[in-house]
Amino acid sequence: MRYSKLLIPTLREEPVEAEVVSHRLMIRAGMIRKVAAGIYTYLPLGLRVIRKVEQIVREEMNRSGAQELLMPMVQPSELWLETGRWGEYGKELLRLKDRGEREFCLGPTHEEVITDVVRAEVKSYRNLPQILYQIQTKFRDEIRPRFGLMRGREFLMKDAYSFDRDEQSAKASYDKMSKAYHRIFERCGLKFQPVEAESGVIGGTYSQEFMVLAETGEDAIVACESCGFAANVEKTQGKTCPRCRGRLITQRGIEVGHVFMLGTKYSEAMKATFLDHNGKEALSVMGCYGIGIGRTAAAAIEQNHDTKGIIWPLPLAPYQVHLVPVNEQSERVMITSELIYGTLSNLGMEVLIDDRAERPGVKFNDADLIGVPFQIIVGEKNLAGGHVELKERRTGKIMKVTTDEVIDLVKKLVLTNSKPAES
């Protein structure tokens, strides 16, 4: 893609409203713009990152055997009244009325809707288990939306729901989803920690949060040095591990995923029953599993940045290669740059070429701010010796290589860092 044709409104100054690194850098890198409190437009560069997260999530959910569907964002009050959550959820639930004065809400989550679907369509134990998921916009009317995509009111989420015939089968579905989450965050190139957690307003018997580890994380978590136990601070008291009495260390984390064992909380309230192998009516045992798509992108920035800007993990980067011709007035520079651009693009690489009539310093600053993992810098001085520069954004390491070598080297680096997680 040509930089000159893209809407990438980068900023030099710090946005005054941004309180955390990811919010600040996503605004400065031209990835998001605020529409209202906690509501953002994803600009082209930001949307490319969001789509990368979505694709990894979708591939691993499908790989686990889950089935994708799409439920409405607007939900009728009747379903929420069945579970009692219409009154319990509080002001975060944005309520509205249609022209017939019927009450609805903007869905912050979809337990009621999915349970309504399954109770109508699944009548026999032979149709279980079912794991259904969607990637969809949610709305929670946060009292104080802040931190950009970390705590917005409107946000993109993957939510999945499992329905099983008994507790044993439900635990198998829960474990399957937990393994899928491990693969998802590994493929995103993130350092993360699953921790035991409270179930909150969702309810259920037990749950785990998946935390991306970052010094700027909003949550404190503790982990055992000996046995691998980890939990958020609400679940743990004292300085020793409740499992092995080993020493606990404190870390900071950002919640990006949450898996719940719901039991029969919703199926009982909404009478989601099926006929078991004895022909008797039984309640579906449920689980639910969420991933914040935008939060995952923001958490990746919190974990991967420096004073110059973002350092994207390759799987989430908006482009894989950023090609920087230093002097667009030089015929030799531009011919070489176009040759590299065309060759890499034909090999299936995602390449951004900065063809703007800008000073080299502006191009270099924007490249570091945007944070594409590999930069190829084409300048007259190096070309005189038959070389271009290949810069790795994360380390700042610069290699001088020939134009032929750079193609093979970039191809190797991209392929090496793009391997899917193992089962």
Protein backbone atom coordinates (compact mmCIF):
# COMPACT_ATOMS: atom_id res chain seq x y z
CA MET A 1 0.00 0.00 0.00
CA ARG A 2 1.20 3.53 -0.80
CA TYR A 3 1.46 5.87 2.17
CA SER A 4 0.43 8.82 0.00
CA LYS A 5 -2.96 7.18 -0.67
CA LEU A 6 -3.69 6.20 2.94
CA LEU A 7 -5.38 8.17 5.71
CA ILE A 8 -2.69 8.00 8.41
CA PRO A 9 -2.96 11.31 10.31
CA THR A 10 0.06 10.97 12.60
CA LEU A 11 0.61 13.56 15.32
CA ARG A 12 3.81 14.96 16.82
CA GLU A 13 2.20 16.39 19.96
CA GLU A 14 0.92 14.33 22.87
CA PRO A 15 -2.90 14.11 23.03
CA VAL A 16 -3.95 15.75 26.30
CA GLU A 17 -6.88 13.39 26.93
CA ALA A 18 -4.79 10.21 26.72
CA GLU A 19 -3.91 8.73 30.13
CA VAL A 20 -2.16 5.50 29.12
CA VAL A 21 0.50 4.56 26.58
CA SER A 22 -1.75 2.63 24.20
CA HIS A 23 -4.33 5.41 24.03
CA ARG A 24 -1.65 8.03 23.41
CA LEU A 25 0.16 6.04 20.73
CA MET A 26 -2.97 4.87 18.89
CA ILE A 27 -4.03 8.51 18.54
CA ARG A 28 -0.55 9.71 17.56
CA ALA A 29 -0.09 6.87 15.06
CA GLY A 30 -3.36 7.78 13.32
CA MET A 31 -5.16 4.56 14.29
CA ILE A 32 -8.19 5.83 16.20
CA ARG A 33 -10.14 9.03 16.69
CA LYS A 34 -12.62 9.87 19.45
CA VAL A 35 -16.27 10.39 18.49
CA ALA A 36 -17.71 10.65 22.02
CA ALA A 37 -16.66 9.56 25.51
CA GLY A 38 -15.57 5.92 25.23
CA ILE A 39 -16.58 5.70 21.55
CA TYR A 40 -13.98 5.62 18.77
CA THR A 41 -13.63 5.41 15.01
CA TYR A 42 -11.04 2.91 13.82
CA LEU A 43 -9.05 4.58 11.06
CA PRO A 44 -7.58 2.37 8.28
CA LEU A 45 -4.32 1.55 10.08
CA GLY A 46 -6.09 0.73 13.35
CA LEU A 47 -8.70 -1.38 11.60
CA ARG A 48 -5.98 -3.49 9.99
CA VAL A 49 -4.69 -4.37 13.48
CA ILE A 50 -8.21 -5.14 14.71
CA ARG A 51 -8.77 -7.43 11.74
CA LYS A 52 -5.51 -9.25 12.51
CA VAL A 53 -6.69 -9.96 16.07
CA GLU A 54 -10.10 -11.04 14.76
CA GLN A 55 -8.56 -13.43 12.25
CA ILE A 56 -6.39 -15.18 14.83
CA VAL A 57 -9.36 -15.48 17.20
CA ARG A 58 -11.64 -16.77 14.44
CA GLU A 59 -9.11 -19.35 13.22
CA GLU A 60 -8.51 -20.75 16.69
CA MET A 61 -12.19 -20.80 17.64
CA ASN A 62 -13.00 -22.66 14.42
CA ARG A 63 -10.06 -24.98 15.06
CA SER A 64 -11.53 -25.82 18.48
CA GLY A 65 -14.83 -26.86 16.90
CA ALA A 66 -16.80 -23.75 17.84
CA GLN A 67 -19.36 -22.45 15.34
CA GLU A 68 -19.68 -18.79 14.41
CA LEU A 69 -23.03 -16.99 14.39
CA LEU A 70 -24.09 -13.37 14.76
CA MET A 71 -26.64 -12.11 17.27
CA PRO A 72 -28.32 -8.69 17.38
CA MET A 73 -26.82 -5.84 19.35
CA VAL A 74 -30.31 -4.61 20.30
CA GLN A 75 -31.97 -7.01 22.75
CA PRO A 76 -35.56 -7.06 24.09
CA SER A 77 -36.10 -6.50 27.81
CA GLU A 78 -38.21 -9.69 28.06
CA LEU A 79 -35.14 -11.92 27.85
CA TRP A 80 -33.30 -9.97 30.54
CA LEU A 81 -36.37 -9.99 32.77
CA GLU A 82 -36.37 -13.80 32.62
CA THR A 83 -32.93 -13.95 34.23
CA GLY A 84 -33.49 -11.01 36.56
CA ARG A 85 -30.59 -9.07 35.08
CA TRP A 86 -32.79 -6.25 33.72
CA GLY A 87 -32.90 -4.88 37.24
CA GLU A 88 -29.58 -6.23 38.51
CA TYR A 89 -27.25 -4.96 35.83
CA GLY A 90 -27.48 -1.30 36.77
CA LYS A 91 -26.79 1.83 34.75
CA GLU A 92 -24.13 0.19 32.57
CA LEU A 93 -27.05 -1.36 30.68
CA LEU A 94 -28.14 1.26 28.14
CA ARG A 95 -31.91 0.99 27.90
CA LEU A 96 -34.07 2.39 25.10
CA LYS A 97 -37.61 2.20 23.74
CA ASP A 98 -38.83 1.71 20.19
CA ARG A 99 -41.76 3.62 18.66
CA GLY A 100 -44.17 1.11 20.23
CA GLU A 101 -42.79 1.92 23.70
CA ARG A 102 -41.29 -1.59 23.94
CA GLU A 103 -38.13 -1.70 26.02
CA PHE A 104 -34.77 -2.83 24.65
CA CYS A 105 -31.11 -2.57 25.60
CA LEU A 106 -27.83 -2.34 23.75
CA GLY A 107 -26.20 -5.67 24.49
CA PRO A 108 -23.20 -5.61 26.83
CA THR A 109 -23.15 -9.43 26.63
CA HIS A 110 -25.35 -12.12 25.08
CA GLU A 111 -26.09 -14.89 27.60
CA GLU A 112 -29.84 -14.31 27.39
CA VAL A 113 -29.99 -14.19 23.59
CA ILE A 114 -27.88 -17.30 23.04
CA THR A 115 -29.81 -19.26 25.69
CA ASP A 116 -33.04 -18.27 23.93
CA VAL A 117 -31.64 -19.59 20.63
CA VAL A 118 -30.51 -22.91 22.10
CA ARG A 119 -33.66 -23.60 24.12
CA ALA A 120 -35.68 -23.23 20.92
CA GLU A 121 -33.43 -25.34 18.70
CA VAL A 122 -31.70 -27.97 20.86
CA LYS A 123 -34.14 -30.58 22.18
CA SER A 124 -32.05 -33.74 22.62
CA TYR A 125 -28.80 -34.79 24.27
CA ARG A 126 -27.77 -35.98 20.79
CA ASN A 127 -27.47 -32.31 19.76
CA LEU A 128 -24.99 -31.56 22.57
CA PRO A 129 -22.39 -30.28 23.12
CA GLN A 130 -22.67 -26.99 21.27
CA ILE A 131 -20.12 -24.17 21.34
CA LEU A 132 -21.30 -21.04 19.55
CA TYR A 133 -19.45 -17.75 19.18
CA GLN A 134 -19.63 -14.34 17.56
CA ILE A 135 -17.36 -11.33 17.02
CA GLN A 136 -19.56 -8.31 17.51
CA THR A 137 -19.92 -4.78 18.88
CA LYS A 138 -20.97 -4.46 22.52
CA PHE A 139 -22.00 -1.44 24.57
CA ARG A 140 -21.58 -0.84 28.30
CA ASP A 141 -22.41 2.60 29.63
CA GLU A 142 -19.32 2.92 31.81
CA ILE A 143 -19.58 5.65 34.45
CA ARG A 144 -16.06 6.78 33.59
CA PRO A 145 -14.86 5.55 30.21
CA ARG A 146 -11.09 5.99 29.98
CA PHE A 147 -7.84 4.62 28.60
CA GLY A 148 -9.00 4.60 24.96
CA LEU A 149 -9.80 1.08 23.77
CA MET A 150 -8.94 -0.35 27.20
CA ARG A 151 -12.16 0.83 28.82
CA GLY A 152 -14.50 2.19 26.20
CA ARG A 153 -18.28 2.15 26.16
CA GLU A 154 -18.58 0.70 22.67
CA PHE A 155 -16.15 -2.13 21.98
CA LEU A 156 -15.57 -5.17 19.81
CA MET A 157 -15.68 -8.54 21.54
CA LYS A 158 -15.53 -12.23 20.78
CA ASP A 159 -18.03 -14.00 23.01
CA ALA A 160 -18.58 -17.76 22.96
CA TYR A 161 -21.08 -19.94 24.82
CA SER A 162 -20.99 -23.67 25.46
CA PHE A 163 -23.98 -25.92 26.16
CA ASP A 164 -23.43 -29.42 27.54
CA ARG A 165 -25.45 -32.34 28.90
CA ASP A 166 -23.65 -32.55 32.28
CA GLU A 167 -20.88 -31.07 34.43
CA GLN A 168 -18.21 -33.44 33.11
CA SER A 169 -18.95 -32.55 29.51
CA ALA A 170 -19.12 -28.85 30.42
CA LYS A 171 -15.66 -29.05 31.99
CA ALA A 172 -14.35 -30.59 28.76
CA SER A 173 -15.75 -27.64 26.77
CA TYR A 174 -14.26 -25.21 29.29
CA ASP A 175 -10.84 -26.86 28.97
CA LYS A 176 -11.12 -26.80 25.18
CA MET A 177 -11.79 -23.05 25.24
CA SER A 178 -8.98 -22.44 27.72
CA LYS A 179 -6.52 -24.22 25.40
CA ALA A 180 -7.83 -22.19 22.45
CA TYR A 181 -7.19 -19.00 24.44
CA HIS A 182 -3.62 -20.05 25.11
CA ARG A 183 -3.10 -20.57 21.37
CA ILE A 184 -4.74 -17.23 20.52
CA PHE A 185 -2.53 -15.13 22.77
CA GLU A 186 0.58 -17.09 21.82
CA ARG A 187 -0.17 -16.44 18.16
CA CYS A 188 -0.69 -12.75 18.93
CA GLY A 189 2.91 -12.70 20.15
CA LEU A 190 1.99 -11.63 23.67
CA LYS A 191 3.35 -12.51 27.11
CA PHE A 192 0.31 -13.47 29.16
CA GLN A 193 -0.75 -15.21 32.36
CA PRO A 194 -4.04 -17.06 33.06
CA VAL A 195 -5.20 -16.29 36.61
CA GLU A 196 -7.99 -17.55 38.85
CA ALA A 197 -10.67 -14.87 39.14
CA GLU A 198 -14.06 -13.85 40.46
CA SER A 199 -17.06 -14.33 38.16
CA GLY A 200 -18.66 -10.93 38.82
CA VAL A 201 -22.01 -10.01 37.26
CA ILE A 202 -21.79 -12.87 34.74
CA GLY A 203 -22.10 -15.42 37.55
CA GLY A 204 -21.04 -19.04 37.58
CA THR A 205 -18.99 -21.45 39.63
CA TYR A 206 -15.41 -20.56 38.65
CA SER A 207 -13.50 -18.56 36.07
CA GLN A 208 -10.11 -17.58 34.72
CA GLU A 209 -8.86 -14.24 33.42
CA PHE A 210 -6.19 -14.09 30.73
CA MET A 211 -3.85 -11.23 31.55
CA VAL A 212 -1.33 -9.61 29.22
CA LEU A 213 1.64 -8.77 31.43
CA ALA A 214 2.68 -5.10 31.33
CA GLU A 215 4.13 -2.66 33.84
CA THR A 216 1.31 -0.27 32.98
CA GLY A 217 -1.37 -2.93 33.61
CA GLU A 218 -4.52 -1.81 35.44
CA ASP A 219 -4.79 -5.01 37.53
CA ALA A 220 -2.49 -6.49 40.17
CA ILE A 221 -1.99 -10.25 39.98
CA VAL A 222 0.03 -12.66 42.08
CA ALA A 223 1.90 -15.72 40.82
CA CYS A 224 3.69 -18.52 42.66
CA GLU A 225 7.39 -18.99 41.95
CA SER A 226 7.11 -22.72 42.63
CA CYS A 227 3.93 -24.29 41.26
CA GLY A 228 2.66 -21.84 38.62
CA PHE A 229 -0.49 -20.85 40.55
CA ALA A 230 -1.72 -17.37 39.62
CA ALA A 231 -4.72 -15.32 40.71
CA ASN A 232 -5.93 -11.76 40.85
CA VAL A 233 -5.70 -10.02 44.20
CA GLU A 234 -9.41 -10.58 44.97
CA LYS A 235 -8.83 -14.34 45.05
CA THR A 236 -5.67 -14.38 47.15
CA GLN A 237 -4.76 -13.17 50.62
CA GLY A 238 -1.38 -13.36 52.26
CA LYS A 239 2.15 -13.78 50.87
CA THR A 240 2.24 -17.53 50.33
CA CYS A 241 0.61 -19.71 47.70
CA PRO A 242 -2.58 -21.45 48.89
CA ARG A 243 -1.62 -24.58 46.93
CA CYS A 244 2.03 -25.19 47.83
CA ARG A 245 2.89 -22.45 50.34
CA GLY A 246 5.50 -21.14 47.88
CA ARG A 247 6.36 -17.44 47.68
CA LEU A 248 4.01 -15.20 45.70
CA ILE A 249 5.28 -12.42 43.46
CA THR A 250 3.17 -9.47 42.30
CA GLN A 251 2.85 -8.46 38.65
CA ARG A 252 0.72 -6.02 36.68
CA GLY A 253 -1.63 -7.25 33.99
CA ILE A 254 -4.33 -6.20 31.53
CA GLU A 255 -7.36 -8.44 31.23
CA VAL A 256 -7.94 -9.40 27.59
CA GLY A 257 -9.94 -12.62 28.01
CA HIS A 258 -12.20 -14.32 30.55
CA VAL A 259 -13.57 -17.87 30.66
CA PHE A 260 -16.49 -18.81 32.94
CA MET A 261 -18.14 -22.02 34.05
CA LEU A 262 -21.74 -20.83 34.30
CA GLY A 263 -23.42 -24.06 35.37
CA THR A 264 -27.23 -23.85 35.06
CA LYS A 265 -27.67 -20.21 36.14
CA TYR A 266 -29.14 -19.13 32.79
CA SER A 267 -30.57 -22.41 31.54
CA GLU A 268 -32.59 -22.77 34.74
CA ALA A 269 -33.86 -19.19 34.68
CA MET A 270 -34.83 -19.46 31.00
CA LYS A 271 -35.88 -23.14 31.04
CA ALA A 272 -33.29 -24.21 28.46
CA THR A 273 -33.88 -27.95 28.72
CA PHE A 274 -33.29 -31.05 26.60
CA LEU A 275 -34.25 -34.70 26.80
CA ASP A 276 -31.43 -36.84 28.18
CA HIS A 277 -30.64 -40.45 27.17
CA ASN A 278 -33.41 -41.66 29.51
CA GLY A 279 -35.98 -39.38 27.90
CA LYS A 280 -36.06 -37.12 30.95
CA GLU A 281 -35.90 -33.34 30.86
CA ALA A 282 -32.53 -31.91 31.93
CA LEU A 283 -30.94 -28.47 32.08
CA SER A 284 -28.07 -27.50 29.79
CA VAL A 285 -24.82 -26.84 31.64
CA MET A 286 -23.26 -23.68 30.27
CA GLY A 287 -19.96 -21.86 29.97
CA CYS A 288 -19.11 -18.48 28.44
CA TYR A 289 -15.85 -17.18 27.04
CA GLY A 290 -14.95 -13.59 26.11
CA ILE A 291 -12.03 -11.85 24.41
CA GLY A 292 -11.79 -8.08 24.02
CA ILE A 293 -10.59 -7.54 20.46
CA GLY A 294 -9.71 -3.87 20.83
CA ARG A 295 -8.35 -4.44 24.34
CA THR A 296 -6.00 -7.10 22.96
CA ALA A 297 -4.62 -4.63 20.41
CA ALA A 298 -4.24 -1.94 23.08
CA ALA A 299 -2.63 -4.40 25.52
CA ALA A 300 -0.12 -5.38 22.83
CA ILE A 301 0.98 -1.73 22.69
CA GLU A 302 1.20 -1.47 26.48
CA GLN A 303 3.55 -4.45 26.39
CA ASN A 304 5.46 -3.44 23.24
CA HIS A 305 6.55 0.19 22.91
CA ASP A 306 9.45 2.55 23.47
CA THR A 307 9.97 6.32 23.51
CA LYS A 308 9.67 6.47 19.71
CA GLY A 309 6.36 4.66 19.38
CA ILE A 310 4.72 1.28 18.95
CA ILE A 311 6.65 -1.98 18.45
CA TRP A 312 4.06 -4.35 16.99
CA PRO A 313 4.41 -8.10 17.37
CA LEU A 314 4.53 -9.27 13.76
CA PRO A 315 1.18 -11.17 13.86
CA LEU A 316 -0.71 -8.00 14.84
CA ALA A 317 1.21 -5.41 12.82
CA PRO A 318 -0.83 -3.40 10.29
CA TYR A 319 1.90 -4.15 7.74
CA GLN A 320 4.83 -6.54 7.85
CA VAL A 321 7.35 -4.30 6.06
CA HIS A 322 7.69 -0.51 5.94
CA LEU A 323 9.66 0.59 2.89
CA VAL A 324 11.27 4.04 3.21
CA PRO A 325 12.75 5.68 0.09
CA VAL A 326 14.92 8.45 1.57
CA ASN A 327 14.79 10.72 -1.49
CA GLU A 328 11.72 10.42 -3.68
CA GLN A 329 13.36 12.85 -6.17
CA SER A 330 16.11 10.34 -6.95
CA GLU A 331 15.24 8.14 -9.92
CA ARG A 332 17.59 5.41 -8.73
CA VAL A 333 16.11 5.39 -5.23
CA MET A 334 12.55 5.19 -6.53
CA ILE A 335 13.25 2.51 -9.16
CA THR A 336 14.96 0.33 -6.56
CA SER A 337 12.19 0.98 -4.01
CA GLU A 338 9.46 0.12 -6.53
CA LEU A 339 11.31 -3.06 -7.49
CA ILE A 340 11.54 -4.18 -3.84
CA TYR A 341 7.91 -3.14 -3.21
CA GLY A 342 6.60 -5.06 -6.20
CA THR A 343 8.65 -8.19 -5.51
CA LEU A 344 7.65 -8.40 -1.83
CA SER A 345 3.99 -7.67 -2.65
CA ASN A 346 3.98 -10.42 -5.30
CA LEU A 347 5.34 -12.81 -2.65
CA GLY A 348 2.26 -12.07 -0.53
CA MET A 349 3.98 -9.70 1.90
CA GLU A 350 2.07 -6.76 3.41
CA VAL A 351 4.20 -3.77 2.47
CA LEU A 352 3.71 -0.06 3.19
CA ILE A 353 5.85 2.16 0.94
CA ASP A 354 6.34 5.74 2.08
CA ASP A 355 6.15 7.51 -1.29
CA ARG A 356 5.38 10.92 0.24
CA ALA A 357 7.37 14.03 -0.65
CA GLU A 358 8.57 14.42 2.93
CA ARG A 359 11.92 14.97 4.63
CA PRO A 360 13.79 11.79 5.68
CA GLY A 361 13.40 12.69 9.38
CA VAL A 362 9.60 12.86 9.06
CA LYS A 363 9.49 9.47 7.34
CA PHE A 364 11.78 7.85 9.93
CA ASN A 365 9.78 9.28 12.85
CA ASP A 366 6.49 8.11 11.38
CA ALA A 367 7.91 4.65 10.68
CA ASP A 368 9.05 4.25 14.29
CA LEU A 369 5.76 5.67 15.61
CA ILE A 370 3.61 3.28 13.54
CA GLY A 371 5.82 0.39 14.63
CA VAL A 372 5.86 -1.99 11.64
CA PRO A 373 8.36 -4.75 12.58
CA PHE A 374 10.76 -4.43 9.62
CA GLN A 375 11.88 -1.28 7.81
CA ILE A 376 13.75 -1.24 4.52
CA ILE A 377 15.55 2.09 4.00
CA VAL A 378 16.62 2.94 0.46
CA GLY A 379 19.08 5.84 0.11
CA GLU A 380 21.44 7.09 -2.61
CA LYS A 381 24.60 6.72 -0.55
CA ASN A 382 24.03 3.02 0.22
CA LEU A 383 22.79 2.30 -3.30
CA ALA A 384 26.10 3.57 -4.65
CA GLY A 385 27.63 0.56 -2.92
CA GLY A 386 24.82 -1.76 -4.01
CA HIS A 387 23.13 -1.87 -0.59
CA VAL A 388 19.96 -0.98 1.26
CA GLU A 389 19.38 -0.97 5.02
CA LEU A 390 17.14 -3.45 6.84
CA LYS A 391 16.10 -2.22 10.29
CA GLU A 392 14.40 -4.32 12.94
CA ARG A 393 12.03 -2.02 14.81
CA ARG A 394 12.18 -3.93 18.12
CA THR A 395 15.96 -3.94 18.54
CA GLY A 396 16.92 -0.99 16.35
CA LYS A 397 19.48 -3.25 14.69
CA ILE A 398 20.37 -2.15 11.14
CA MET A 399 21.91 -4.46 8.54
CA LYS A 400 23.36 -3.41 5.20
CA VAL A 401 22.37 -5.95 2.56
CA THR A 402 22.12 -6.06 -1.20
CA THR A 403 18.79 -5.52 -2.92
CA ASP A 404 18.69 -9.23 -3.82
CA GLU A 405 19.53 -10.32 -0.26
CA VAL A 406 16.88 -8.11 1.34
CA ILE A 407 14.05 -9.95 -0.41
CA ASP A 408 15.13 -13.38 0.84
CA LEU A 409 16.00 -12.08 4.30
CA VAL A 410 12.65 -10.34 4.83
CA LYS A 411 10.80 -13.38 3.54
CA LYS A 412 12.67 -15.58 6.00
CA LEU A 413 12.09 -13.20 8.94
CA VAL A 414 8.36 -12.88 8.24
CA LEU A 415 7.82 -16.61 7.79
CA THR A 416 9.82 -17.47 10.92
CA ASN A 417 7.76 -15.09 13.05
CA SER A 418 4.37 -16.05 11.58
CA LYS A 419 4.13 -19.74 12.50
CA PRO A 420 0.79 -20.78 14.11
CA ALA A 421 0.78 -22.07 17.68
CA GLU A 422 1.02 -25.82 18.15
CA SER A 423 -1.94 -27.81 19.46
